[in-house]
Amino acid sequence: MCRSINAQAEFWRKVGMLAEANPGLSFTEIMAQQLEDADVVNTA
């Protein structure tokens, strides 16, 4: 995946805000929640 510098900064800003709002969640849990919210299907 290729993201611009601005898109990468926005991604990490969002992850950081979610981590601060949910200190009990790990990065993996935050990402799983975001993928679920976006209706991304896990094919693994």
N, C-alpha and C. Protein backbone atom coordinates (compact mmCIF):
# COMPACT_ATOMS: atom_id res chain seq x y z
N MET A 1 0.84 -1.17 0.00
CA MET A 1 0.00 0.00 0.00
C MET A 1 0.89 1.23 0.00
N CYS A 2 0.60 2.16 -0.87
CA CYS A 2 1.34 3.42 -0.94
C CYS A 2 0.43 4.55 -0.49
N ARG A 3 0.86 5.23 0.55
CA ARG A 3 0.13 6.40 1.03
C ARG A 3 1.07 7.59 1.00
N SER A 4 0.49 8.74 0.73
CA SER A 4 1.29 9.96 0.77
C SER A 4 1.71 10.24 2.21
N ILE A 5 2.67 11.12 2.37
CA ILE A 5 3.10 11.52 3.71
C ILE A 5 1.92 12.07 4.49
N ASN A 6 1.10 12.89 3.84
CA ASN A 6 -0.07 13.46 4.53
C ASN A 6 -1.06 12.38 4.95
N ALA A 7 -1.29 11.39 4.09
CA ALA A 7 -2.21 10.31 4.44
C ALA A 7 -1.65 9.47 5.58
N GLN A 8 -0.34 9.25 5.59
CA GLN A 8 0.27 8.50 6.69
C GLN A 8 0.13 9.26 8.00
N ALA A 9 0.36 10.57 7.96
CA ALA A 9 0.23 11.39 9.17
C ALA A 9 -1.21 11.36 9.68
N GLU A 10 -2.17 11.45 8.78
CA GLU A 10 -3.58 11.41 9.18
C GLU A 10 -3.93 10.06 9.80
N PHE A 11 -3.42 8.98 9.22
CA PHE A 11 -3.67 7.63 9.75
C PHE A 11 -3.16 7.53 11.18
N TRP A 12 -1.91 7.93 11.41
CA TRP A 12 -1.33 7.81 12.75
C TRP A 12 -1.95 8.79 13.74
N ARG A 13 -2.41 9.95 13.26
CA ARG A 13 -3.13 10.89 14.12
C ARG A 13 -4.42 10.24 14.61
N LYS A 14 -5.14 9.61 13.69
CA LYS A 14 -6.40 8.95 14.06
C LYS A 14 -6.15 7.80 15.02
N VAL A 15 -5.14 6.98 14.74
CA VAL A 15 -4.82 5.86 15.63
C VAL A 15 -4.43 6.38 17.01
N GLY A 16 -3.66 7.44 17.06
CA GLY A 16 -3.25 8.02 18.35
C GLY A 16 -4.43 8.54 19.14
N MET A 17 -5.36 9.20 18.46
CA MET A 17 -6.55 9.70 19.15
C MET A 17 -7.41 8.55 19.68
N LEU A 18 -7.54 7.50 18.89
CA LEU A 18 -8.31 6.33 19.34
C LEU A 18 -7.62 5.65 20.52
N ALA A 19 -6.29 5.59 20.49
CA ALA A 19 -5.54 4.98 21.59
C ALA A 19 -5.69 5.79 22.87
N GLU A 20 -5.66 7.10 22.76
CA GLU A 20 -5.84 7.95 23.94
C GLU A 20 -7.25 7.82 24.50
N ALA A 21 -8.23 7.68 23.63
CA ALA A 21 -9.63 7.57 24.06
C ALA A 21 -9.95 6.18 24.61
N ASN A 22 -9.13 5.18 24.24
CA ASN A 22 -9.36 3.79 24.65
C ASN A 22 -8.06 3.19 25.17
N PRO A 23 -7.59 3.62 26.34
CA PRO A 23 -6.28 3.18 26.82
C PRO A 23 -6.19 1.68 27.11
N GLY A 24 -7.31 1.01 27.24
CA GLY A 24 -7.29 -0.42 27.52
C GLY A 24 -7.16 -1.29 26.28
N LEU A 25 -7.21 -0.67 25.09
CA LEU A 25 -7.13 -1.44 23.86
C LEU A 25 -5.72 -1.43 23.30
N SER A 26 -5.31 -2.57 22.74
CA SER A 26 -4.01 -2.64 22.06
C SER A 26 -4.16 -2.08 20.64
N PHE A 27 -3.04 -1.87 19.98
CA PHE A 27 -3.06 -1.41 18.59
C PHE A 27 -3.84 -2.39 17.73
N THR A 28 -3.61 -3.69 17.94
CA THR A 28 -4.30 -4.72 17.16
C THR A 28 -5.81 -4.65 17.36
N GLU A 29 -6.23 -4.43 18.60
CA GLU A 29 -7.67 -4.34 18.89
C GLU A 29 -8.28 -3.09 18.25
N ILE A 30 -7.54 -1.99 18.29
CA ILE A 30 -8.02 -0.76 17.65
C ILE A 30 -8.17 -0.97 16.16
N MET A 31 -7.18 -1.59 15.53
CA MET A 31 -7.24 -1.81 14.09
C MET A 31 -8.36 -2.78 13.73
N ALA A 32 -8.56 -3.82 14.53
CA ALA A 32 -9.64 -4.77 14.28
C ALA A 32 -10.99 -4.06 14.35
N GLN A 33 -11.15 -3.19 15.33
CA GLN A 33 -12.39 -2.44 15.48
C GLN A 33 -12.62 -1.52 14.28
N GLN A 34 -11.56 -0.85 13.82
CA GLN A 34 -11.69 0.05 12.68
C GLN A 34 -12.03 -0.72 11.40
N LEU A 35 -11.42 -1.89 11.22
CA LEU A 35 -11.74 -2.70 10.05
C LEU A 35 -13.18 -3.18 10.09
N GLU A 36 -13.64 -3.56 11.27
CA GLU A 36 -15.03 -4.00 11.42
C GLU A 36 -15.98 -2.85 11.13
N ASP A 37 -15.67 -1.67 11.64
CA ASP A 37 -16.51 -0.50 11.40
C ASP A 37 -16.59 -0.15 9.91
N ALA A 38 -15.52 -0.45 9.18
CA ALA A 38 -15.47 -0.16 7.75
C ALA A 38 -16.00 -1.31 6.91
N ASP A 39 -16.52 -2.35 7.57
CA ASP A 39 -17.07 -3.54 6.89
C ASP A 39 -16.04 -4.24 6.02
N VAL A 40 -14.80 -4.29 6.48
CA VAL A 40 -13.75 -5.02 5.78
C VAL A 40 -13.82 -6.47 6.25
N VAL A 41 -13.86 -7.40 5.30
CA VAL A 41 -14.00 -8.81 5.61
C VAL A 41 -12.63 -9.45 5.71
N ASN A 42 -12.41 -10.23 6.77
CA ASN A 42 -11.16 -10.97 6.95
C ASN A 42 -11.29 -12.29 6.21
N THR A 43 -10.47 -12.50 5.18
CA THR A 43 -10.54 -13.73 4.39
C THR A 43 -9.54 -14.77 4.85
N ALA A 44 -8.77 -14.47 5.89
CA ALA A 44 -7.74 -15.41 6.37
C ALA A 44 -8.35 -16.52 7.18
